[in-house]
């Protein structure tokens, strides 16, 4: 999904890859990405980085272009 351009990667970092906690498969293909978190939402809001992570999963092209957080 994201890739470093070799000319502009002086630290030689590896490109990030989505790493959800679970993948739901159907007929050998990923149909849904799931991630788990623990956060008491009635007392605190969801962190922006958690929403960002889900957005990345959803637009990764893996599955049905949605992501779910548990």
PDB file of N, CA and C in Angstrom:
ATOM      1  N   UNK A   1       0.822  -1.186   0.000  1.00  0.00           N
ATOM      2  CA  UNK A   1       0.000   0.000   0.000  1.00  0.00           C
ATOM      3  C   UNK A   1       0.869   1.253   0.000  1.00  0.00           C
ATOM      4  N   UNK A   2       1.809   1.334   0.939  1.00  0.00           N
ATOM      5  CA  UNK A   2       2.772   2.423   0.959  1.00  0.00           C
ATOM      6  C   UNK A   2       4.131   1.846   0.625  1.00  0.00           C
ATOM      7  N   UNK A   3       4.923   2.613  -0.083  1.00  0.00           N
ATOM      8  CA  UNK A   3       6.260   2.139  -0.423  1.00  0.00           C
ATOM      9  C   UNK A   3       7.210   3.329  -0.401  1.00  0.00           C
ATOM     10  N   UNK A   4       8.388   3.097   0.120  1.00  0.00           N
ATOM     11  CA  UNK A   4       9.419   4.126   0.111  1.00  0.00           C
ATOM     12  C   UNK A   4      10.084   4.149  -1.257  1.00  0.00           C
ATOM     13  N   UNK A   5      10.392   5.329  -1.749  1.00  0.00           N
ATOM     14  CA  UNK A   5      11.186   5.473  -2.960  1.00  0.00           C
ATOM     15  C   UNK A   5      12.646   5.322  -2.566  1.00  0.00           C
ATOM     16  N   UNK A   6      13.344   4.436  -3.218  1.00  0.00           N
ATOM     17  CA  UNK A   6      14.705   4.104  -2.798  1.00  0.00           C
ATOM     18  C   UNK A   6      15.626   5.329  -2.722  1.00  0.00           C
ATOM     19  N   UNK A   7      15.459   6.284  -3.612  1.00  0.00           N
ATOM     20  CA  UNK A   7      16.304   7.489  -3.591  1.00  0.00           C
ATOM     21  C   UNK A   7      16.036   8.360  -2.375  1.00  0.00           C
ATOM     22  N   UNK A   8      14.831   8.249  -1.785  1.00  0.00           N
ATOM     23  CA  UNK A   8      14.454   9.112  -0.667  1.00  0.00           C
ATOM     24  C   UNK A   8      14.226   8.308   0.612  1.00  0.00           C
ATOM     25  N   UNK A   9      14.994   7.254   0.778  1.00  0.00           N
ATOM     26  CA  UNK A   9      14.895   6.402   1.956  1.00  0.00           C
ATOM     27  C   UNK A   9      16.301   6.179   2.518  1.00  0.00           C
ATOM     28  N   UNK A  10      16.921   7.245   3.049  1.00  0.00           N
ATOM     29  CA  UNK A  10      18.312   7.133   3.498  1.00  0.00           C
ATOM     30  C   UNK A  10      18.501   6.155   4.662  1.00  0.00           C
ATOM     31  N   UNK A  11      17.457   5.890   5.431  1.00  0.00           N
ATOM     32  CA  UNK A  11      17.570   4.951   6.558  1.00  0.00           C
ATOM     33  C   UNK A  11      17.245   3.521   6.144  1.00  0.00           C
ATOM     34  N   UNK A  12      16.908   3.313   4.870  1.00  0.00           N
ATOM     35  CA  UNK A  12      16.602   1.984   4.321  1.00  0.00           C
ATOM     36  C   UNK A  12      15.496   1.283   5.112  1.00  0.00           C
ATOM     37  N   UNK A  13      14.450   2.019   5.391  1.00  0.00           N
ATOM     38  CA  UNK A  13      13.316   1.451   6.130  1.00  0.00           C
ATOM     39  C   UNK A  13      12.473   0.573   5.223  1.00  0.00           C
ATOM     40  N   UNK A  14      11.882  -0.467   5.816  1.00  0.00           N
ATOM     41  CA  UNK A  14      10.977  -1.335   5.076  1.00  0.00           C
ATOM     42  C   UNK A  14       9.624  -0.643   4.955  1.00  0.00           C
ATOM     43  N   UNK A  15       8.957  -0.862   3.842  1.00  0.00           N
ATOM     44  CA  UNK A  15       7.631  -0.285   3.642  1.00  0.00           C
ATOM     45  C   UNK A  15       6.647  -0.939   4.602  1.00  0.00           C
ATOM     46  N   UNK A  16       5.720  -0.154   5.162  1.00  0.00           N
ATOM     47  CA  UNK A  16       4.748  -0.727   6.095  1.00  0.00           C
ATOM     48  C   UNK A  16       3.722  -1.595   5.373  1.00  0.00           C
ATOM     49  N   UNK A  17       3.227  -2.597   6.073  1.00  0.00           N
ATOM     50  CA  UNK A  17       2.170  -3.448   5.543  1.00  0.00           C
ATOM     51  C   UNK A  17       1.066  -3.530   6.589  1.00  0.00           C
ATOM     52  N   UNK A  18      -0.196  -3.600   6.147  1.00  0.00           N
ATOM     53  CA  UNK A  18      -1.287  -3.749   7.113  1.00  0.00           C
ATOM     54  C   UNK A  18      -1.127  -5.050   7.898  1.00  0.00           C
ATOM     55  N   UNK A  19      -1.331  -4.983   9.209  1.00  0.00           N
ATOM     56  CA  UNK A  19      -1.232  -6.165  10.062  1.00  0.00           C
ATOM     57  C   UNK A  19      -2.437  -6.224  11.002  1.00  0.00           C
ATOM     58  N   UNK A  20      -3.606  -6.544  10.458  1.00  0.00           N
ATOM     59  CA  UNK A  20      -4.779  -6.632  11.323  1.00  0.00           C
ATOM     60  C   UNK A  20      -4.675  -7.845  12.238  1.00  0.00           C
ATOM     61  N   UNK A  21      -5.480  -7.851  13.292  1.00  0.00           N
ATOM     62  CA  UNK A  21      -5.478  -8.989  14.205  1.00  0.00           C
ATOM     63  C   UNK A  21      -6.133 -10.224  13.587  1.00  0.00           C
ATOM     64  N   UNK A  22      -7.160 -10.013  12.769  1.00  0.00           N
ATOM     65  CA  UNK A  22      -7.880 -11.129  12.159  1.00  0.00           C
ATOM     66  C   UNK A  22      -8.243 -10.814  10.723  1.00  0.00           C
ATOM     67  N   UNK A  23      -8.330 -11.852   9.910  1.00  0.00           N
ATOM     68  CA  UNK A  23      -8.839 -11.752   8.547  1.00  0.00           C
ATOM     69  C   UNK A  23      -9.954 -12.774   8.404  1.00  0.00           C
ATOM     70  N   UNK A  24     -11.079 -12.365   7.870  1.00  0.00           N
ATOM     71  CA  UNK A  24     -12.144 -13.309   7.575  1.00  0.00           C
ATOM     72  C   UNK A  24     -11.973 -13.733   6.121  1.00  0.00           C
ATOM     73  N   UNK A  25     -11.925 -15.044   5.929  1.00  0.00           N
ATOM     74  CA  UNK A  25     -11.672 -15.607   4.600  1.00  0.00           C
ATOM     75  C   UNK A  25     -12.932 -16.286   4.074  1.00  0.00           C
ATOM     76  N   UNK A  26     -13.103 -16.231   2.756  1.00  0.00           N
ATOM     77  CA  UNK A  26     -14.172 -16.965   2.084  1.00  0.00           C
ATOM     78  C   UNK A  26     -13.618 -17.465   0.758  1.00  0.00           C
ATOM     79  N   UNK A  27     -13.690 -18.752   0.562  1.00  0.00           N
ATOM     80  CA  UNK A  27     -13.162 -19.375  -0.658  1.00  0.00           C
ATOM     81  C   UNK A  27     -11.700 -19.013  -0.894  1.00  0.00           C
ATOM     82  N   UNK A  28     -10.935 -18.953   0.181  1.00  0.00           N
ATOM     83  CA  UNK A  28      -9.501 -18.689   0.074  1.00  0.00           C
ATOM     84  C   UNK A  28      -9.117 -17.232  -0.118  1.00  0.00           C
ATOM     85  N   UNK A  29     -10.080 -16.328  -0.065  1.00  0.00           N
ATOM     86  CA  UNK A  29      -9.799 -14.897  -0.243  1.00  0.00           C
ATOM     87  C   UNK A  29     -10.210 -14.135   1.011  1.00  0.00           C
ATOM     88  N   UNK A  30      -9.445 -13.092   1.326  1.00  0.00           N
ATOM     89  CA  UNK A  30      -9.785 -12.239   2.463  1.00  0.00           C
ATOM     90  C   UNK A  30     -10.987 -11.390   2.089  1.00  0.00           C
ATOM     91  N   UNK A  31     -12.023 -11.420   2.939  1.00  0.00           N
ATOM     92  CA  UNK A  31     -13.212 -10.609   2.670  1.00  0.00           C
ATOM     93  C   UNK A  31     -13.386  -9.491   3.694  1.00  0.00           C
ATOM     94  N   UNK A  32     -12.686  -9.576   4.819  1.00  0.00           N
ATOM     95  CA  UNK A  32     -12.860  -8.568   5.870  1.00  0.00           C
ATOM     96  C   UNK A  32     -11.619  -8.540   6.752  1.00  0.00           C
ATOM     97  N   UNK A  33     -11.195  -7.350   7.135  1.00  0.00           N
ATOM     98  CA  UNK A  33     -10.101  -7.173   8.085  1.00  0.00           C
ATOM     99  C   UNK A  33     -10.677  -6.720   9.418  1.00  0.00           C
ATOM    100  N   UNK A  34     -10.191  -7.315  10.495  1.00  0.00           N
ATOM    101  CA  UNK A  34     -10.667  -6.990  11.836  1.00  0.00           C
ATOM    102  C   UNK A  34      -9.480  -6.645  12.723  1.00  0.00           C
ATOM    103  N   UNK A  35      -9.672  -5.676  13.597  1.00  0.00           N
ATOM    104  CA  UNK A  35      -8.635  -5.297  14.545  1.00  0.00           C
ATOM    105  C   UNK A  35      -9.262  -5.217  15.933  1.00  0.00           C
ATOM    106  N   UNK A  36      -8.493  -5.535  16.940  1.00  0.00           N
ATOM    107  CA  UNK A  36      -9.013  -5.493  18.309  1.00  0.00           C
ATOM    108  C   UNK A  36      -8.288  -4.421  19.111  1.00  0.00           C
ATOM    109  N   UNK A  37      -9.040  -3.776  19.960  1.00  0.00           N
ATOM    110  CA  UNK A  37      -8.509  -2.764  20.875  1.00  0.00           C
ATOM    111  C   UNK A  37      -9.273  -2.888  22.185  1.00  0.00           C
ATOM    112  N   UNK A  38      -8.688  -2.407  23.247  1.00  0.00           N
ATOM    113  CA  UNK A  38      -9.459  -2.282  24.476  1.00  0.00           C
ATOM    114  C   UNK A  38      -9.483  -0.815  24.846  1.00  0.00           C
ATOM    115  N   UNK A  39     -10.678  -0.265  24.898  1.00  0.00           N
ATOM    116  CA  UNK A  39     -10.847   1.130  25.277  1.00  0.00           C
ATOM    117  C   UNK A  39     -12.289   1.304  25.754  1.00  0.00           C
ATOM    118  N   UNK A  40     -12.451   1.826  26.922  1.00  0.00           N
ATOM    119  CA  UNK A  40     -13.785   2.063  27.475  1.00  0.00           C
ATOM    120  C   UNK A  40     -14.363   3.314  26.816  1.00  0.00           C
ATOM    121  N   UNK A  41     -15.112   3.122  25.731  1.00  0.00           N
ATOM    122  CA  UNK A  41     -15.594   4.251  24.933  1.00  0.00           C
ATOM    123  C   UNK A  41     -16.629   5.097  25.641  1.00  0.00           C
ATOM    124  N   UNK A  42     -17.268   4.569  26.656  1.00  0.00           N
ATOM    125  CA  UNK A  42     -18.237   5.385  27.385  1.00  0.00           C
ATOM    126  C   UNK A  42     -17.531   6.419  28.259  1.00  0.00           C
ATOM    127  N   UNK A  43     -16.234   6.234  28.511  1.00  0.00           N
ATOM    128  CA  UNK A  43     -15.494   7.190  29.322  1.00  0.00           C
ATOM    129  C   UNK A  43     -14.475   7.999  28.532  1.00  0.00           C
ATOM    130  N   UNK A  44     -14.049   7.449  27.394  1.00  0.00           N
ATOM    131  CA  UNK A  44     -13.021   8.108  26.582  1.00  0.00           C
ATOM    132  C   UNK A  44     -13.330   7.900  25.110  1.00  0.00           C
ATOM    133  N   UNK A  45     -12.980   8.870  24.312  1.00  0.00           N
ATOM    134  CA  UNK A  45     -13.249   8.743  22.873  1.00  0.00           C
ATOM    135  C   UNK A  45     -12.188   7.868  22.209  1.00  0.00           C
ATOM    136  N   UNK A  46     -12.486   7.461  20.994  1.00  0.00           N
ATOM    137  CA  UNK A  46     -11.558   6.661  20.210  1.00  0.00           C
ATOM    138  C   UNK A  46     -10.393   7.545  19.769  1.00  0.00           C
ATOM    139  N   UNK A  47      -9.192   7.055  19.893  1.00  0.00           N
ATOM    140  CA  UNK A  47      -8.011   7.830  19.510  1.00  0.00           C
ATOM    141  C   UNK A  47      -7.921   7.978  17.994  1.00  0.00           C
ATOM    142  N   UNK A  48      -7.404   9.094  17.550  1.00  0.00           N
ATOM    143  CA  UNK A  48      -7.253   9.353  16.117  1.00  0.00           C
ATOM    144  C   UNK A  48      -6.384   8.286  15.465  1.00  0.00           C
ATOM    145  N   UNK A  49      -5.349   7.821  16.155  1.00  0.00           N
ATOM    146  CA  UNK A  49      -4.474   6.815  15.546  1.00  0.00           C
ATOM    147  C   UNK A  49      -5.204   5.492  15.336  1.00  0.00           C
ATOM    148  N   UNK A  50      -6.204   5.185  16.177  1.00  0.00           N
ATOM    149  CA  UNK A  50      -7.002   3.976  15.979  1.00  0.00           C
ATOM    150  C   UNK A  50      -7.873   4.120  14.727  1.00  0.00           C
ATOM    151  N   UNK A  51      -8.474   5.283  14.548  1.00  0.00           N
ATOM    152  CA  UNK A  51      -9.283   5.532  13.357  1.00  0.00           C
ATOM    153  C   UNK A  51      -8.426   5.539  12.100  1.00  0.00           C
ATOM    154  N   UNK A  52      -7.234   6.108  12.194  1.00  0.00           N
ATOM    155  CA  UNK A  52      -6.310   6.127  11.067  1.00  0.00           C
ATOM    156  C   UNK A  52      -5.945   4.699  10.665  1.00  0.00           C
ATOM    157  N   UNK A  53      -5.660   3.855  11.647  1.00  0.00           N
ATOM    158  CA  UNK A  53      -5.318   2.470  11.377  1.00  0.00           C
ATOM    159  C   UNK A  53      -6.457   1.766  10.636  1.00  0.00           C
ATOM    160  N   UNK A  54      -7.679   1.969  11.080  1.00  0.00           N
ATOM    161  CA  UNK A  54      -8.821   1.357  10.403  1.00  0.00           C
ATOM    162  C   UNK A  54      -8.986   1.888   8.985  1.00  0.00           C
ATOM    163  N   UNK A  55      -8.767   3.181   8.810  1.00  0.00           N
ATOM    164  CA  UNK A  55      -8.876   3.774   7.475  1.00  0.00           C
ATOM    165  C   UNK A  55      -7.850   3.150   6.533  1.00  0.00           C
ATOM    166  N   UNK A  56      -6.649   2.937   7.014  1.00  0.00           N
ATOM    167  CA  UNK A  56      -5.607   2.310   6.192  1.00  0.00           C
ATOM    168  C   UNK A  56      -6.023   0.893   5.810  1.00  0.00           C
ATOM    169  N   UNK A  57      -6.551   0.136   6.766  1.00  0.00           N
ATOM    170  CA  UNK A  57      -7.034  -1.211   6.454  1.00  0.00           C
ATOM    171  C   UNK A  57      -8.127  -1.157   5.387  1.00  0.00           C
ATOM    172  N   UNK A  58      -9.054  -0.216   5.530  1.00  0.00           N
ATOM    173  CA  UNK A  58     -10.187  -0.132   4.611  1.00  0.00           C
ATOM    174  C   UNK A  58      -9.758   0.211   3.187  1.00  0.00           C
ATOM    175  N   UNK A  59      -8.765   1.058   3.017  1.00  0.00           N
ATOM    176  CA  UNK A  59      -8.338   1.455   1.668  1.00  0.00           C
ATOM    177  C   UNK A  59      -7.167   0.622   1.144  1.00  0.00           C
ATOM    178  N   UNK A  60      -6.779  -0.398   1.884  1.00  0.00           N
ATOM    179  CA  UNK A  60      -5.622  -1.213   1.491  1.00  0.00           C
ATOM    180  C   UNK A  60      -5.882  -2.058   0.257  1.00  0.00           C
ATOM    181  N   UNK A  61      -7.149  -2.211  -0.123  1.00  0.00           N
ATOM    182  CA  UNK A  61      -7.469  -3.060  -1.262  1.00  0.00           C
ATOM    183  C   UNK A  61      -7.622  -4.521  -0.870  1.00  0.00           C
ATOM    184  N   UNK A  62      -7.503  -4.807   0.418  1.00  0.00           N
ATOM    185  CA  UNK A  62      -7.657  -6.168   0.920  1.00  0.00           C
ATOM    186  C   UNK A  62      -9.083  -6.323   1.423  1.00  0.00           C
ATOM    187  N   UNK A  63      -9.774  -7.314   0.944  1.00  0.00           N
ATOM    188  CA  UNK A  63     -11.141  -7.548   1.405  1.00  0.00           C
ATOM    189  C   UNK A  63     -12.150  -6.657   0.718  1.00  0.00           C
ATOM    190  N   UNK A  64     -13.192  -6.304   1.453  1.00  0.00           N
ATOM    191  CA  UNK A  64     -14.316  -5.565   0.862  1.00  0.00           C
ATOM    192  C   UNK A  64     -14.244  -4.051   1.070  1.00  0.00           C
ATOM    193  N   UNK A  65     -13.050  -3.536   1.292  1.00  0.00           N
ATOM    194  CA  UNK A  65     -12.803  -2.098   1.469  1.00  0.00           C
ATOM    195  C   UNK A  65     -13.457  -1.527   2.712  1.00  0.00           C
ATOM    196  N   UNK A  66     -13.643  -2.383   3.714  1.00  0.00           N
ATOM    197  CA  UNK A  66     -14.108  -1.941   5.014  1.00  0.00           C
ATOM    198  C   UNK A  66     -13.201  -2.560   6.082  1.00  0.00           C
ATOM    199  N   UNK A  67     -13.236  -2.006   7.249  1.00  0.00           N
ATOM    200  CA  UNK A  67     -12.485  -2.552   8.376  1.00  0.00           C
ATOM    201  C   UNK A  67     -13.332  -2.387   9.627  1.00  0.00           C
ATOM    202  N   UNK A  68     -13.173  -3.286  10.562  1.00  0.00           N
ATOM    203  CA  UNK A  68     -13.970  -3.262  11.780  1.00  0.00           C
ATOM    204  C   UNK A  68     -13.048  -3.326  12.984  1.00  0.00           C
ATOM    205  N   UNK A  69     -13.385  -2.561  14.002  1.00  0.00           N
ATOM    206  CA  UNK A  69     -12.632  -2.594  15.251  1.00  0.00           C
ATOM    207  C   UNK A  69     -13.529  -3.216  16.328  1.00  0.00           C
ATOM    208  N   UNK A  70     -12.950  -4.117  17.102  1.00  0.00           N
ATOM    209  CA  UNK A  70     -13.651  -4.724  18.242  1.00  0.00           C
ATOM    210  C   UNK A  70     -13.048  -4.201  19.512  1.00  0.00           C
TER     211      UNK A  70
END
